Protein backbone atom coordinates (compact mmCIF):
# COMPACT_ATOMS: atom_id res chain seq x y z
CA MET A 1 110.20 86.14 80.33
CA ARG A 2 110.77 87.32 83.90
CA LEU A 3 107.67 88.37 85.76
CA SER A 4 107.51 89.49 89.35
CA ARG A 5 104.16 90.47 90.75
CA ARG A 6 105.83 91.74 93.91
CA GLY A 7 108.05 93.93 91.76
CA LEU A 8 105.01 95.92 90.71
CA LEU A 9 103.79 96.79 94.20
CA ARG A 10 103.68 100.49 94.82
CA ALA A 11 102.01 102.58 97.48
CA GLY A 12 100.58 106.00 98.13
CA ALA A 13 99.87 107.64 101.45
CA ALA A 14 97.14 105.14 102.26
CA GLY A 15 99.40 102.11 101.99
CA ALA A 16 100.35 99.52 99.42
CA ALA A 17 98.50 99.19 96.15
CA ALA A 18 99.30 96.24 93.90
CA THR A 19 99.42 96.44 90.14
CA ALA A 20 100.83 94.08 87.54
CA PHE A 21 101.57 93.81 83.85
CA GLY A 22 98.65 91.47 83.45
CA GLY A 23 99.90 87.96 83.97
CA LEU A 24 101.73 87.46 80.68
CA ALA A 25 102.84 83.86 80.53
CA SER A 26 106.48 82.89 80.35
CA GLY A 27 107.68 82.62 76.77
CA CYS A 28 104.58 84.27 75.31
CA ALA A 29 104.66 86.34 72.18
CA VAL A 30 103.72 89.97 72.74
CA PRO A 31 101.66 91.49 69.92
CA ALA A 32 103.37 94.30 68.05
CA GLY A 33 102.60 97.89 68.89
CA SER A 34 103.01 99.03 65.29
CA THR A 35 102.47 97.79 61.79
CA GLY A 36 104.37 98.23 58.55
CA ARG A 37 106.64 101.28 58.69
CA ASP A 38 104.97 102.73 61.77
CA MET A 39 106.89 103.13 65.01
CA VAL A 40 105.07 104.46 68.07
CA LEU A 41 106.75 106.46 70.84
CA TRP A 42 104.93 107.12 74.11
CA TYR A 43 105.97 109.90 76.47
CA TRP A 44 104.35 112.56 78.64
CA SER A 45 104.19 116.33 78.34
CA GLY A 46 107.64 117.69 79.15
CA GLY A 47 109.21 114.23 79.11
CA LEU A 48 111.17 114.98 75.95
CA SER A 49 111.92 118.08 73.93
CA ASP A 50 109.07 118.42 71.45
CA THR A 51 111.47 120.15 69.06
CA VAL A 52 113.90 117.24 69.14
CA VAL A 53 111.05 114.74 68.71
CA LYS A 54 109.81 116.69 65.68
CA ASP A 55 113.28 116.67 64.18
CA ALA A 56 113.53 112.91 64.75
CA LYS A 57 110.38 112.41 62.70
CA THR A 58 112.01 114.30 59.83
CA ARG A 59 115.42 112.68 60.22
CA TYR A 60 114.09 109.12 60.14
CA GLY A 61 111.07 109.77 57.94
CA GLY A 62 112.60 107.99 54.98
CA GLU A 63 113.06 104.82 57.01
CA VAL A 64 110.08 104.72 59.34
CA SER A 65 106.96 106.68 60.22
CA LEU A 66 107.59 107.78 63.80
CA LYS A 67 104.38 108.54 65.66
CA ALA A 68 105.09 110.33 68.92
CA VAL A 69 102.16 110.32 71.34
CA GLN A 70 101.96 112.37 74.55
CA ILE A 71 100.02 110.36 77.11
CA GLY A 72 98.16 112.45 79.68
CA GLY A 73 96.96 111.49 83.14
CA TYR A 74 98.46 108.54 85.00
CA TYR A 75 101.14 107.60 82.52
CA ARG A 76 102.49 104.51 84.28
CA SER A 77 99.02 103.02 84.81
CA LYS A 78 98.14 103.53 81.15
CA LEU A 79 101.39 101.93 79.98
CA ILE A 80 100.94 98.92 82.27
CA THR A 81 97.30 98.51 81.26
CA THR A 82 98.20 98.64 77.58
CA MET A 83 100.99 96.10 77.98
CA ALA A 84 98.72 93.84 80.00
CA GLY A 85 96.10 94.05 77.23
CA ARG A 86 98.75 92.89 74.74
CA ALA A 87 97.58 95.27 72.01
CA HIS A 88 98.55 98.72 70.75
CA ILE A 89 101.74 98.59 72.79
CA PRO A 90 104.22 101.38 71.94
CA ASP A 91 107.53 100.41 70.38
CA ILE A 92 109.42 102.97 72.43
CA ALA A 93 108.14 103.89 75.88
CA GLY A 94 109.25 106.56 78.30
CA LEU A 95 109.70 105.34 81.87
CA LYS A 96 109.57 107.87 84.69
CA GLY A 97 112.50 107.66 87.06
CA GLU A 98 110.33 107.38 90.17
CA ASP A 99 108.69 104.28 88.65
CA MET A 100 111.85 102.44 87.55
CA ALA A 101 111.91 100.22 90.62
CA SER A 102 108.60 98.69 89.51
CA TYR A 103 109.73 98.14 85.92
CA LEU A 104 113.14 96.59 86.59
CA PRO A 105 111.89 93.34 88.20
CA ASN A 106 109.88 92.83 84.99
CA ALA A 107 112.80 93.39 82.65
CA GLY A 108 111.58 90.56 80.43
CA GLN A 109 108.83 92.86 79.16
CA PHE A 110 111.47 95.05 77.49
CA VAL A 111 114.32 94.58 75.04
CA ASP A 112 117.69 94.31 76.75
CA LEU A 113 119.42 97.38 75.33
CA ARG A 114 122.80 95.72 75.74
CA THR A 115 121.88 93.36 72.91
CA LEU A 116 121.59 96.40 70.65
CA GLY A 117 125.03 97.76 71.55
CA ALA A 118 124.17 100.06 74.44
CA ASP A 119 127.43 99.38 76.24
CA ARG A 120 129.39 101.35 73.68
CA TYR A 121 127.49 104.49 74.73
CA ARG A 122 127.94 104.01 78.48
CA GLY A 123 131.00 106.26 78.81
CA GLY A 124 129.08 109.27 77.59
CA TYR A 125 126.48 109.20 80.38
CA LEU A 126 126.53 109.82 84.11
CA PRO A 127 127.52 106.41 85.57
CA TRP A 128 124.99 106.54 88.42
CA LYS A 129 122.19 107.47 86.03
CA TRP A 130 123.10 104.71 83.60
CA ASP A 131 123.06 102.15 86.41
CA GLN A 132 119.54 103.19 87.46
CA GLY A 133 118.22 101.77 84.20
CA VAL A 134 119.78 98.33 84.76
CA ALA A 135 117.96 95.45 86.47
CA ASP A 136 119.52 93.22 89.12
CA ASP A 137 120.26 90.54 86.50
CA GLY A 138 122.13 93.03 84.32
CA THR A 139 119.34 93.60 81.79
CA MET A 140 119.36 97.20 80.60
CA VAL A 141 115.76 98.37 80.54
CA GLY A 142 116.09 102.16 80.31
CA PHE A 143 118.34 104.52 78.35
CA PRO A 144 118.94 107.76 80.31
CA ILE A 145 116.99 110.87 79.41
CA ASP A 146 117.60 113.39 82.18
CA CYS A 147 118.35 113.81 85.87
CA GLY A 148 117.54 116.33 88.61
CA PRO A 149 120.58 117.53 90.59
CA VAL A 150 119.46 119.50 93.67
CA ALA A 151 120.98 122.86 94.58
CA HIS A 152 120.31 125.80 96.92
CA TYR A 153 118.23 128.59 95.36
CA TYR A 154 118.34 131.88 97.24
CA GLN A 155 117.47 135.56 96.78
CA TYR A 156 120.70 137.54 96.60
CA ALA A 157 119.46 140.85 98.02
CA VAL A 158 117.67 139.24 100.96
CA PHE A 159 120.75 137.26 101.95
CA ARG A 160 122.89 140.38 101.63
CA ARG A 161 120.48 142.40 103.77
CA ALA A 162 120.61 139.69 106.44
CA GLY A 163 124.40 139.86 106.54
CA LEU A 164 124.74 136.38 105.08
CA PRO A 165 127.12 135.23 102.35
CA HIS A 166 125.42 136.24 99.13
CA GLU A 167 127.77 135.51 96.23
CA PRO A 168 127.17 131.95 94.93
CA ALA A 169 130.72 130.77 95.60
CA ASP A 170 130.60 132.17 99.14
CA VAL A 171 127.19 130.62 99.89
CA SER A 172 128.47 127.27 98.62
CA ALA A 173 131.63 127.48 100.73
CA GLU A 174 130.21 128.94 103.94
CA LEU A 175 126.88 127.08 104.16
CA ASN A 176 128.36 123.69 103.33
CA THR A 177 127.02 121.77 106.34
CA TRP A 178 123.52 121.38 107.71
CA GLU A 179 124.60 123.10 110.93
CA LYS A 180 125.89 126.16 109.04
CA PHE A 181 122.80 126.13 106.85
CA PHE A 182 120.50 126.10 109.89
CA GLY A 183 122.59 128.83 111.52
CA ALA A 184 122.10 130.97 108.43
CA GLY A 185 118.36 130.39 108.77
CA GLU A 186 118.42 131.64 112.36
CA GLN A 187 120.39 134.72 111.39
CA LEU A 188 118.01 135.42 108.50
CA LYS A 189 114.99 135.27 110.79
CA LYS A 190 116.68 137.47 113.40
CA ARG A 191 117.83 140.15 110.96
CA ILE A 192 114.66 140.18 108.85
CA PRO A 193 111.68 139.22 111.05
CA GLY A 194 108.98 137.22 109.31
CA THR A 195 111.33 135.44 106.95
CA CYS A 196 112.07 131.70 106.89
CA LEU A 197 114.88 129.86 105.18
CA LEU A 198 112.67 126.99 103.96
CA THR A 199 109.00 126.34 103.42
CA ASP A 200 108.77 123.07 105.35
CA VAL A 201 110.69 120.28 107.07
CA ASN A 202 110.13 117.83 104.21
CA SER A 203 112.79 119.43 102.03
CA VAL A 204 115.35 118.83 104.79
CA PHE A 205 114.27 115.25 105.44
CA GLU A 206 113.94 114.08 101.85
CA ASN A 207 117.14 115.72 100.63
CA ALA A 208 119.13 114.42 103.60
CA VAL A 209 117.95 110.88 102.83
CA GLN A 210 118.67 111.32 99.13
CA GLN A 211 122.22 112.45 99.88
CA GLY A 212 123.15 109.02 101.16
CA GLY A 213 123.77 105.61 99.66
CA LYS A 214 120.87 103.83 101.35
CA ARG A 215 117.11 104.28 101.40
CA TYR A 216 114.38 102.11 102.98
CA VAL A 217 114.89 98.57 101.63
CA ASP A 218 118.16 96.86 100.69
CA GLU A 219 119.08 94.29 98.03
CA ASP A 220 118.14 91.44 100.37
CA ARG A 221 114.60 92.79 100.74
CA ARG A 222 115.14 93.94 104.28
CA PHE A 223 113.64 97.09 105.75
CA ILE A 224 116.43 99.49 106.72
CA GLY A 225 114.33 102.62 107.18
CA ASP A 226 114.81 102.41 110.94
CA GLN A 227 118.57 102.71 110.66
CA GLU A 228 120.89 105.65 111.29
CA HIS A 229 120.82 107.09 107.76
CA VAL A 230 117.05 107.69 107.94
CA ARG A 231 117.02 108.57 111.63
CA ARG A 232 119.73 111.19 111.02
CA ALA A 233 117.63 112.79 108.28
CA TRP A 234 114.59 112.70 110.58
CA ASP A 235 116.52 114.40 113.39
CA LEU A 236 117.76 117.10 111.03
CA ALA A 237 114.19 117.85 109.94
CA VAL A 238 113.02 117.98 113.55
CA GLU A 239 115.88 120.34 114.39
CA ALA A 240 114.90 122.63 111.50
CA LYS A 241 111.44 122.86 113.02
CA ARG A 242 112.78 123.41 116.54
CA ARG A 243 115.09 126.21 115.43
CA GLY A 244 112.26 128.00 113.64
CA ILE A 245 113.84 128.18 110.20
CA VAL A 246 110.84 126.62 108.40
CA SER A 247 107.49 128.30 107.76
CA ASP A 248 103.95 127.21 108.53
CA ILE A 249 103.01 127.61 104.88
CA VAL A 250 101.92 124.58 102.88
CA ASN A 251 104.18 123.83 99.94
CA GLY A 252 102.68 124.44 96.50
CA THR A 253 99.97 126.86 97.61
CA PRO A 254 99.29 130.45 96.52
CA ASP A 255 100.45 131.54 99.97
CA GLN A 256 103.86 130.05 99.28
CA LEU A 257 104.16 131.86 95.94
CA SER A 258 103.15 135.11 97.61
CA ALA A 259 105.75 134.64 100.35
CA ILE A 260 108.44 133.84 97.79
CA GLU A 261 107.55 136.94 95.76
CA SER A 262 107.66 139.19 98.81
CA GLY A 263 111.01 137.80 99.96
CA LYS A 264 109.58 136.09 103.05
CA LEU A 265 110.67 132.71 101.66
CA PRO A 266 113.94 133.66 99.96
CA SER A 267 115.52 130.22 99.86
CA GLN A 268 114.77 126.65 98.83
CA LEU A 269 116.47 123.37 98.06
CA GLY A 270 115.32 122.34 94.62
CA ALA A 271 116.25 120.27 91.59
CA SER A 272 117.47 121.80 88.33
CA TRP A 273 113.93 121.73 86.94
CA ALA A 274 112.82 124.11 89.72
CA THR A 275 114.31 126.92 87.64
CA GLY A 276 111.26 126.60 85.40
CA ASP A 277 108.92 126.52 88.38
CA LEU A 278 110.34 129.80 89.65
CA LYS A 279 110.25 131.48 86.25
CA ASN A 280 106.66 130.44 85.66
CA GLY A 281 105.37 130.70 89.24
CA VAL A 282 106.96 133.95 90.42
CA PRO A 283 108.07 135.81 87.27
CA LYS A 284 108.25 139.11 89.17
CA THR A 285 111.29 137.78 91.06
CA ALA A 286 113.40 137.74 87.89
CA GLY A 287 116.96 138.82 88.59
CA ARG A 288 116.73 138.27 92.34
CA TRP A 289 117.82 134.63 92.41
CA ARG A 290 121.17 132.88 92.53
CA VAL A 291 122.08 129.19 92.78
CA ALA A 292 124.66 127.62 95.10
CA ASP A 293 125.62 124.15 96.24
CA MET A 294 123.30 122.48 98.71
CA PRO A 295 124.75 121.61 102.14
CA VAL A 296 127.07 118.61 102.44
CA ARG A 297 126.62 117.14 98.96
CA PRO A 298 124.09 117.19 96.13
CA SER A 299 121.12 114.87 95.89
CA ASN A 300 118.96 113.97 92.90
CA ASN A 301 115.26 114.53 92.36
CA GLY A 302 113.81 113.35 89.07
CA GLY A 303 114.96 112.05 85.72
CA SER A 304 113.58 109.45 83.33
CA PHE A 305 114.41 106.88 80.64
CA LEU A 306 113.44 105.54 77.23
CA SER A 307 112.86 101.82 76.74
CA ILE A 308 112.05 99.49 73.86
CA THR A 309 109.17 97.13 74.52
CA LYS A 310 109.12 93.51 73.38
CA ALA A 311 106.27 94.55 71.07
CA CYS A 312 108.68 96.50 68.87
CA ARG A 313 109.01 95.01 65.37
CA ASP A 314 112.35 96.70 64.68
CA PRO A 315 114.38 97.14 67.88
CA GLU A 316 117.53 98.11 65.97
CA GLN A 317 115.76 101.03 64.33
CA ALA A 318 114.14 102.01 67.63
CA PHE A 319 117.56 102.01 69.28
CA ARG A 320 119.00 104.25 66.57
CA ILE A 321 116.19 106.71 67.20
CA ILE A 322 116.68 106.61 70.99
CA THR A 323 120.43 107.16 70.84
CA TRP A 324 119.95 110.13 68.50
CA LEU A 325 117.18 111.66 70.61
CA LEU A 326 119.39 111.40 73.69
CA ASP A 327 122.84 112.27 72.35
CA PRO A 328 124.70 115.17 74.04
CA ALA A 329 123.67 117.79 71.48
CA ASN A 330 120.00 116.88 71.68
CA GLN A 331 120.11 116.65 75.46
CA ALA A 332 121.45 120.20 75.49
CA ARG A 333 118.49 121.22 73.33
CA GLY A 334 116.19 119.35 75.70
CA PHE A 335 117.46 121.44 78.60
CA VAL A 336 116.88 124.70 76.74
CA ASP A 337 113.47 123.64 75.38
CA ALA A 338 112.01 121.66 78.26
CA GLY A 339 114.29 122.04 81.31
CA LEU A 340 115.47 118.42 81.06
CA PHE A 341 118.86 118.39 82.76
CA PRO A 342 121.25 116.34 80.61
CA SER A 343 122.52 112.94 81.70
CA THR A 344 125.42 113.51 79.26
CA PRO A 345 128.32 115.46 80.84
CA ALA A 346 129.53 116.47 77.37
CA SER A 347 126.46 118.70 77.17
CA TYR A 348 127.51 120.83 80.12
CA GLY A 349 130.18 122.72 78.19
CA MET A 350 128.04 123.44 75.13
CA ALA A 351 127.45 127.07 74.27
CA GLU A 352 123.67 127.01 74.69
CA LEU A 353 124.09 125.78 78.28
CA ARG A 354 126.76 128.36 79.08
CA GLU A 355 124.54 131.38 78.51
CA PRO A 356 124.19 133.75 81.50
CA ASP A 357 120.64 133.58 82.82
CA PRO A 358 119.05 136.99 83.50
CA PHE A 359 116.52 135.42 85.87
CA PHE A 360 119.48 134.42 88.05
CA GLY A 361 121.24 137.76 87.84
CA GLY A 362 123.34 136.71 84.86
CA GLN A 363 124.71 133.62 86.61
CA VAL A 364 125.69 130.60 84.52
CA THR A 365 123.74 128.10 86.57
CA MET A 366 125.40 125.17 84.79
CA ASP A 367 128.49 125.97 86.89
CA VAL A 368 126.53 124.66 89.89
CA PHE A 369 124.27 122.00 88.40
CA GLY A 370 126.89 120.39 86.16
CA PRO A 371 129.37 119.50 88.92
CA ALA A 372 126.48 118.56 91.22
CA ALA A 373 125.15 116.01 88.72
CA GLN A 374 128.54 114.32 88.65
CA LYS A 375 128.80 114.01 92.45
CA ILE A 376 125.47 112.37 93.22
CA THR A 377 125.41 109.23 95.34
CA VAL A 378 122.63 106.81 94.43
CA ALA A 379 121.21 104.05 96.59
CA TYR A 380 119.80 100.68 95.60
CA ASN A 381 116.44 101.24 93.91
CA SER A 382 114.03 98.83 95.59
CA PRO A 383 110.47 98.28 94.30
CA TYR A 384 109.37 98.52 97.94
CA ASP A 385 110.95 101.90 98.72
CA VAL A 386 107.87 103.95 97.92
CA ALA A 387 105.56 101.86 100.09
CA LEU A 388 107.94 101.78 103.05
CA GLY A 389 109.16 105.35 102.75
CA GLN A 390 105.74 106.96 102.62
CA PRO A 391 104.78 106.46 106.31
CA VAL A 392 108.02 108.15 107.38
CA LYS A 393 107.42 111.08 105.02
CA ASP A 394 103.84 111.39 106.20
CA GLU A 395 104.83 111.50 109.86
CA ILE A 396 107.64 114.02 109.46
CA LYS A 397 105.10 116.20 107.66
CA ASN A 398 102.82 115.82 110.68
CA VAL A 399 105.66 117.05 112.85
CA GLY A 400 106.26 120.06 110.62
CA VAL A 401 102.70 121.06 109.80
CA LEU A 402 100.63 119.81 112.75
CA GLY A 403 103.26 120.05 115.47
CA LYS A 404 103.02 116.36 116.33
CA ASP A 405 105.45 115.12 118.97
CA PRO A 406 108.53 113.83 117.05
CA LYS A 407 108.94 110.74 119.27
CA LYS A 408 105.30 109.77 118.83
CA ALA A 409 105.51 110.46 115.09
CA TRP A 410 108.61 108.27 114.70
CA SER A 411 107.00 105.46 116.67
CA ASP A 412 103.85 105.67 114.56
CA ALA A 413 105.89 105.68 111.34
CA MET A 414 107.80 102.57 112.36
CA GLY A 415 104.56 100.81 113.33
CA LYS A 416 103.07 101.53 109.91
CA CYS A 417 106.25 100.40 108.20
CA ARG A 418 106.18 97.15 110.15
CA ARG A 419 102.64 96.37 108.99
CA ILE A 420 103.40 97.24 105.37
CA ALA A 421 106.61 95.21 105.42
CA GLU A 422 104.72 92.16 106.67
CA HIS A 423 102.15 92.59 103.92
CA LEU A 424 104.81 92.87 101.22
CA GLY A 425 106.99 90.07 102.53
CA VAL A 426 109.85 92.41 103.40
CA SER A 427 112.01 91.42 106.36
CA TYR A 428 111.77 93.85 109.26
């Protein structure tokens, strides 16, 4: 059984925080998470379609008693703690996409899905998403649930009033570079004083990084966050601030919702799941929105997996349940029910995903998100990326919110990264 303590290191804004699966010895037997006909599935609220999960209980009820449990709070911590305790471990466990880098180095804790025939399903899923669930040694830990292609949300009437392209196809074609996008922001502010194209610089920085094929640490455990791909994203974010196209409003606050509702923040770069955020957060804006391609190329934000733990008494049955839960038809239902964007391209043409959306002026938003999902470039997923990316994100936020000098902020970010890299044993 492979175990890598370093593979479990994660960090928040304060620095690196180490966690582990609990020191399970090599070759140990992991106690079962279920008994008899029971099979336990762990996931979080919104992680799967509750309707599809309910139907799975009925479909497989004659073979197994499927107990689906929604775990609240810090899901990853609770899963790791339970696995470390070697008792009451779920048979099937959801794994959040942002945490996959910490699970993959410990692939020995999970059943290799290739041994259950996963490869025969590969062609039906987005290749980049499939690969995110595979460890460096080829072990397949996670079966794809969803993904989060990023697009440009904008308010049609506000863009039209500002003399900007306002039909989705025209916005996609004419604002297809960061320079054109920023220019549109300047024109918007000039024509309609008090408006800003984006809430903050972070959306520029993080999406620009996510558009590329590299992040902060490479396969050889070397820090690469000081290289051109990150510096270019940093400079773009600084330029957005300099050109005045971002607001002084803090993201996620009531002030932001108020500004969005009034048309003062008529644009944002957001993942497919942001459609639900808009519908729930600013329902009075129904009909005003449209969706277009983001500048340059799409990025991805979000998306998770299902795994089978070594505690599972019947991996074959668990795999049958997983592949049914996540087939194209059920992924389409998951998008309608829970906003989970399918990782199965066959879903994109299904009738329920081709319905015009009144909230978006009758637009079929799948026409944007579907092609975007198939064009995403994904970088190597290092277990150290979170720890070594956070100082850079913190400092660009300081530039945007506090007005910190960009040169000083970059220098401070690199200094913090150097100290964290030394602590984690990452080459700098």
